[in-house]
N, C-alpha and C. Protein backbone atom coordinates (compact mmCIF):
# COMPACT_ATOMS: atom_id res chain seq x y z
N MET A 1 39.79 -95.39 -63.93
CA MET A 1 40.10 -94.52 -65.28
C MET A 1 38.57 -94.27 -66.01
N HIS A 2 39.09 -92.86 -66.83
CA HIS A 2 38.03 -92.72 -67.59
C HIS A 2 37.74 -93.17 -68.78
N CYS A 3 36.94 -93.19 -69.75
CA CYS A 3 37.24 -93.27 -71.13
C CYS A 3 36.77 -92.02 -72.08
N VAL A 4 37.22 -91.52 -72.86
CA VAL A 4 36.52 -90.73 -74.16
C VAL A 4 36.32 -91.21 -75.26
N THR A 5 35.36 -91.00 -76.13
CA THR A 5 34.89 -91.56 -77.24
C THR A 5 35.48 -90.84 -78.68
N SER A 6 36.45 -89.76 -78.51
CA SER A 6 37.34 -89.15 -79.12
C SER A 6 37.96 -88.25 -79.12
N VAL A 7 39.03 -87.80 -79.64
CA VAL A 7 39.82 -86.91 -78.94
C VAL A 7 39.21 -85.38 -79.21
N THR A 8 38.11 -85.67 -79.55
CA THR A 8 37.21 -83.97 -79.33
C THR A 8 36.40 -84.11 -77.82
N ASP A 9 36.28 -85.13 -77.30
CA ASP A 9 35.90 -85.41 -75.98
C ASP A 9 36.64 -85.43 -74.50
N PHE A 10 36.34 -84.46 -73.56
CA PHE A 10 37.49 -84.39 -72.86
C PHE A 10 36.45 -84.96 -71.42
N ALA A 11 37.15 -85.95 -70.78
CA ALA A 11 36.56 -86.45 -69.64
C ALA A 11 36.40 -85.42 -68.34
N CYS A 12 35.36 -84.87 -67.84
CA CYS A 12 35.41 -84.25 -66.85
C CYS A 12 34.95 -84.43 -65.44
N THR A 13 35.31 -83.75 -64.21
CA THR A 13 34.77 -83.98 -62.92
C THR A 13 33.87 -84.43 -62.78
N ASN A 14 32.67 -83.76 -63.67
CA ASN A 14 31.14 -84.03 -63.36
C ASN A 14 30.73 -85.50 -63.84
N GLY A 15 31.57 -86.18 -64.17
CA GLY A 15 30.95 -87.58 -64.63
C GLY A 15 30.57 -87.79 -66.27
N GLY A 16 30.60 -86.41 -67.01
CA GLY A 16 30.60 -86.35 -68.22
C GLY A 16 31.67 -86.25 -69.11
N ASN A 17 31.65 -85.80 -70.66
CA ASN A 17 32.54 -85.46 -71.29
C ASN A 17 32.14 -83.76 -71.57
N ARG A 18 33.40 -83.22 -72.20
CA ARG A 18 33.16 -81.51 -72.95
C ARG A 18 33.47 -82.08 -74.07
N ARG A 19 32.18 -81.67 -75.17
CA ARG A 19 32.88 -82.10 -76.70
C ARG A 19 33.24 -80.67 -77.15
N PHE A 20 34.25 -80.77 -77.85
CA PHE A 20 34.84 -79.55 -78.90
C PHE A 20 34.58 -79.94 -80.37
N GLN A 21 34.19 -78.76 -80.80
CA GLN A 21 34.49 -78.94 -82.32
C GLN A 21 35.63 -78.46 -83.01
N PRO A 22 36.24 -79.32 -83.36
CA PRO A 22 37.67 -78.70 -84.09
C PRO A 22 37.63 -77.93 -84.81
N GLY A 23 38.34 -76.84 -84.83
CA GLY A 23 38.44 -76.17 -86.46
C GLY A 23 39.31 -76.94 -87.41
N MET A 24 39.88 -77.83 -87.17
CA MET A 24 40.95 -78.48 -87.90
C MET A 24 41.00 -79.93 -87.40
N ALA A 25 41.89 -80.76 -88.13
CA ALA A 25 41.61 -82.52 -87.63
C ALA A 25 43.45 -82.66 -88.33
N ALA A 26 43.87 -83.27 -87.53
CA ALA A 26 44.88 -84.22 -88.13
C ALA A 26 45.28 -85.74 -87.30
N SER A 27 46.08 -86.61 -88.06
CA SER A 27 45.75 -88.00 -87.51
C SER A 27 47.66 -87.82 -86.80
N SER A 28 47.96 -87.19 -86.53
CA SER A 28 49.65 -87.08 -86.03
C SER A 28 49.31 -86.25 -84.83
N GLY A 29 49.83 -86.74 -83.68
CA GLY A 29 50.08 -85.49 -82.21
C GLY A 29 50.81 -84.96 -82.67
N GLU A 30 51.98 -85.33 -82.84
CA GLU A 30 53.13 -83.98 -83.44
C GLU A 30 52.52 -83.27 -84.34
N THR A 31 51.54 -83.28 -85.29
CA THR A 31 51.13 -82.14 -85.99
C THR A 31 50.22 -81.36 -85.45
N LEU A 32 49.25 -81.73 -84.44
CA LEU A 32 48.63 -81.03 -83.57
C LEU A 32 49.40 -80.32 -82.33
N LEU A 33 50.31 -80.84 -82.02
CA LEU A 33 51.15 -79.99 -80.88
C LEU A 33 52.09 -78.78 -81.81
N GLN A 34 52.44 -79.09 -83.02
CA GLN A 34 52.69 -77.78 -83.79
C GLN A 34 51.98 -76.76 -83.96
N LEU A 35 50.62 -77.26 -84.48
CA LEU A 35 49.85 -76.37 -84.59
C LEU A 35 49.01 -75.70 -83.14
N ALA A 36 49.38 -76.09 -81.93
CA ALA A 36 48.88 -75.49 -81.09
C ALA A 36 50.14 -74.61 -80.25
N LEU A 37 51.19 -75.29 -80.53
CA LEU A 37 52.53 -73.91 -80.74
C LEU A 37 52.03 -72.87 -81.45
N GLY A 38 51.80 -72.76 -82.51
CA GLY A 38 51.40 -71.87 -83.43
C GLY A 38 50.20 -70.89 -83.29
N GLY A 39 49.63 -71.33 -82.16
CA GLY A 39 48.57 -70.98 -81.93
C GLY A 39 47.11 -70.85 -82.57
N ALA A 40 47.08 -72.18 -83.28
CA ALA A 40 46.17 -72.52 -84.09
C ALA A 40 44.70 -72.97 -83.28
N ASP A 41 44.80 -73.46 -82.41
CA ASP A 41 43.37 -74.15 -82.45
C ASP A 41 43.82 -75.00 -80.54
N LEU A 42 42.70 -75.53 -79.99
CA LEU A 42 42.34 -76.06 -78.73
C LEU A 42 42.73 -77.51 -79.22
N VAL A 43 43.63 -78.25 -78.46
CA VAL A 43 43.93 -79.44 -78.90
C VAL A 43 44.09 -80.30 -77.67
N CYS A 44 43.47 -81.60 -77.85
CA CYS A 44 43.67 -82.61 -76.71
C CYS A 44 44.83 -83.66 -77.40
N LEU A 45 46.04 -83.70 -76.12
CA LEU A 45 47.03 -84.25 -76.51
C LEU A 45 47.53 -85.08 -75.20
N SER A 46 48.46 -86.05 -75.07
CA SER A 46 49.09 -86.55 -74.24
C SER A 46 49.97 -85.83 -73.38
N ASP A 47 50.01 -86.14 -72.17
CA ASP A 47 50.91 -85.55 -71.30
C ASP A 47 52.43 -85.73 -71.52
N PHE A 48 52.61 -86.80 -72.48
CA PHE A 48 54.23 -86.89 -72.86
C PHE A 48 54.33 -86.49 -73.97
N LEU A 49 53.69 -85.65 -74.44
CA LEU A 49 53.83 -84.91 -75.81
C LEU A 49 54.01 -83.24 -75.40
N THR A 50 53.16 -83.04 -74.14
CA THR A 50 53.13 -81.56 -74.08
C THR A 50 53.72 -81.02 -72.46
N TRP A 51 54.12 -81.89 -71.96
CA TRP A 51 54.45 -81.40 -70.53
C TRP A 51 55.83 -80.85 -70.13
N GLN A 52 56.94 -80.61 -71.42
CA GLN A 52 57.93 -80.05 -71.76
C GLN A 52 57.42 -78.55 -71.99
N HIS A 53 56.56 -78.47 -72.89
CA HIS A 53 55.89 -77.02 -73.21
C HIS A 53 55.15 -76.34 -72.17
N ARG A 54 54.67 -77.30 -71.57
CA ARG A 54 53.88 -76.53 -70.31
C ARG A 54 54.55 -75.99 -69.56
N GLN A 55 55.88 -76.58 -69.31
CA GLN A 55 56.97 -76.41 -68.09
C GLN A 55 57.39 -74.95 -68.72
N ARG A 56 57.64 -74.96 -69.70
CA ARG A 56 58.12 -73.53 -70.50
C ARG A 56 57.17 -72.80 -70.41
N GLY A 57 56.12 -72.65 -70.51
CA GLY A 57 55.05 -71.77 -70.72
C GLY A 57 54.41 -71.49 -72.11
N GLU A 58 55.00 -72.28 -72.85
CA GLU A 58 54.43 -71.99 -74.36
C GLU A 58 53.42 -73.07 -74.74
N LEU A 59 52.60 -74.02 -73.59
CA LEU A 59 51.05 -74.46 -73.72
C LEU A 59 50.93 -74.08 -72.49
N VAL A 60 49.21 -74.09 -72.19
CA VAL A 60 48.87 -73.84 -71.15
C VAL A 60 47.30 -75.15 -71.10
N GLN A 61 47.51 -75.34 -70.10
CA GLN A 61 46.27 -76.35 -70.08
C GLN A 61 44.92 -75.87 -69.55
N VAL A 62 43.99 -76.20 -70.14
CA VAL A 62 42.69 -75.57 -69.99
C VAL A 62 41.59 -76.65 -69.45
N LEU A 63 40.96 -76.17 -68.59
CA LEU A 63 39.92 -76.94 -67.76
C LEU A 63 40.97 -77.85 -66.75
N VAL A 64 41.73 -77.12 -66.12
CA VAL A 64 42.21 -78.08 -65.38
C VAL A 64 41.36 -78.75 -63.87
N ALA A 65 40.98 -77.62 -63.65
CA ALA A 65 39.96 -78.13 -62.20
C ALA A 65 38.91 -79.49 -62.82
N GLU A 66 38.55 -79.54 -63.98
CA GLU A 66 37.84 -80.53 -64.57
C GLU A 66 38.12 -81.65 -64.87
N THR A 67 39.55 -81.54 -65.65
CA THR A 67 39.87 -83.18 -66.06
C THR A 67 40.05 -83.91 -65.47
N LEU A 68 39.83 -84.89 -65.88
CA LEU A 68 40.23 -86.46 -64.90
C LEU A 68 41.11 -87.09 -65.96
N PRO A 69 42.30 -87.68 -65.45
CA PRO A 69 43.18 -88.64 -65.76
C PRO A 69 42.41 -89.51 -67.02
N VAL A 70 42.61 -89.69 -67.91
CA VAL A 70 42.45 -90.61 -68.75
C VAL A 70 43.29 -91.58 -69.83
N SER A 71 43.29 -93.00 -69.79
CA SER A 71 44.25 -93.95 -70.12
C SER A 71 43.89 -94.30 -71.17
N GLN A 72 44.48 -94.46 -72.30
CA GLN A 72 43.97 -95.22 -73.36
C GLN A 72 45.20 -96.26 -73.84
N PRO A 73 44.68 -97.40 -74.49
CA PRO A 73 45.06 -98.79 -74.65
C PRO A 73 46.70 -98.30 -75.65
N ILE A 74 47.21 -99.04 -75.51
CA ILE A 74 48.36 -98.94 -76.61
C ILE A 74 48.40 -100.28 -77.07
N HIS A 75 49.32 -100.54 -78.32
CA HIS A 75 49.02 -101.95 -78.92
C HIS A 75 50.89 -102.23 -79.25
N ALA A 76 51.45 -103.34 -78.62
CA ALA A 76 52.78 -103.40 -79.47
C ALA A 76 52.62 -104.54 -80.92
N VAL A 77 53.03 -104.31 -81.82
CA VAL A 77 52.43 -105.08 -82.87
C VAL A 77 53.78 -105.80 -83.47
N TYR A 78 53.80 -106.86 -83.65
CA TYR A 78 55.05 -107.78 -84.07
C TYR A 78 54.31 -109.14 -84.53
N TYR A 79 55.34 -109.62 -85.63
CA TYR A 79 54.77 -111.07 -85.72
C TYR A 79 55.21 -112.24 -84.59
N ARG A 80 53.79 -112.87 -84.34
CA ARG A 80 53.90 -114.12 -83.35
C ARG A 80 54.60 -115.46 -83.98
N ASN A 81 54.56 -115.56 -85.15
CA ASN A 81 54.73 -116.85 -85.58
C ASN A 81 56.62 -116.81 -86.06
N THR A 82 57.21 -115.95 -85.51
CA THR A 82 58.52 -115.72 -85.35
C THR A 82 59.46 -115.87 -84.12
N GLN A 83 60.42 -116.31 -83.90
CA GLN A 83 60.88 -116.21 -82.67
C GLN A 83 61.60 -114.64 -82.02
N LEU A 84 60.72 -114.29 -81.15
CA LEU A 84 61.43 -113.17 -80.75
C LEU A 84 62.72 -112.95 -80.02
N SER A 85 63.73 -112.18 -80.32
CA SER A 85 64.60 -111.60 -79.60
C SER A 85 64.48 -111.31 -78.20
N SER A 86 65.47 -111.96 -77.09
CA SER A 86 65.29 -111.65 -76.03
C SER A 86 64.98 -110.33 -75.56
N ARG A 87 65.89 -109.34 -76.54
CA ARG A 87 65.48 -107.81 -76.23
C ARG A 87 64.07 -107.56 -76.33
N ILE A 88 63.31 -108.12 -77.62
CA ILE A 88 62.17 -107.85 -78.03
C ILE A 88 61.09 -108.32 -76.78
N VAL A 89 61.23 -109.40 -76.21
CA VAL A 89 60.79 -110.02 -75.27
C VAL A 89 60.89 -109.04 -73.76
N CYS A 90 62.10 -109.05 -73.59
CA CYS A 90 62.00 -107.96 -72.25
C CYS A 90 61.80 -106.75 -72.52
N PHE A 91 61.42 -105.86 -73.65
CA PHE A 91 60.49 -104.92 -73.77
C PHE A 91 59.16 -104.75 -73.81
N LEU A 92 58.75 -106.19 -74.34
CA LEU A 92 57.30 -106.27 -74.20
C LEU A 92 56.88 -106.58 -72.65
N ASP A 93 57.69 -107.05 -71.54
CA ASP A 93 57.39 -107.53 -70.48
C ASP A 93 57.53 -106.12 -69.64
N TYR A 94 58.29 -105.17 -70.03
CA TYR A 94 58.65 -104.00 -69.29
C TYR A 94 56.94 -103.51 -69.68
N LEU A 95 56.45 -103.24 -70.97
CA LEU A 95 55.07 -102.38 -71.19
C LEU A 95 54.28 -103.05 -70.50
N ALA A 96 54.02 -104.48 -70.40
CA ALA A 96 52.76 -105.03 -69.58
C ALA A 96 52.82 -104.89 -68.34
N GLU A 97 54.23 -104.80 -67.62
CA GLU A 97 54.24 -104.11 -66.04
C GLU A 97 54.03 -102.83 -66.15
N GLN A 98 54.38 -101.75 -67.01
CA GLN A 98 54.50 -100.55 -66.44
C GLN A 98 53.01 -100.33 -66.79
N MET A 99 52.38 -100.63 -68.02
CA MET A 99 50.78 -100.36 -68.25
C MET A 99 49.87 -100.88 -67.77
N ALA A 100 50.00 -101.99 -67.24
CA ALA A 100 48.95 -102.69 -66.18
C ALA A 100 48.05 -101.83 -65.51
N TRP A 101 46.85 -102.23 -65.67
CA TRP A 101 45.85 -101.31 -64.83
C TRP A 101 46.16 -101.37 -63.36
N PRO A 102 45.84 -100.61 -62.45
CA PRO A 102 46.06 -100.85 -60.91
C PRO A 102 44.92 -101.61 -60.47
N ASP A 103 45.12 -102.48 -59.45
CA ASP A 103 43.97 -103.22 -58.95
C ASP A 103 43.25 -102.53 -58.06
């Protein structure tokens, strides 16, 4: 997997990153998605946020031939000093299995 240093870096097939200077910034992926749908700017968003819009032709992926898959860590935050319900333990186990790095 490849790593980018910020949301303005796009990992590319040439081994480097392409950097874009955004015209605006937001801390919410949903906000960036709505801005992109409104034609405001180029955004770097996860596939899970954009796949339906790309299928409908509302968004178009750019740099397709140069783009590499990028994974970023996620964190499950919970109180460790309390007894977790079996439902939460099951969910955390599922996340760990699904998000594990391939060997």
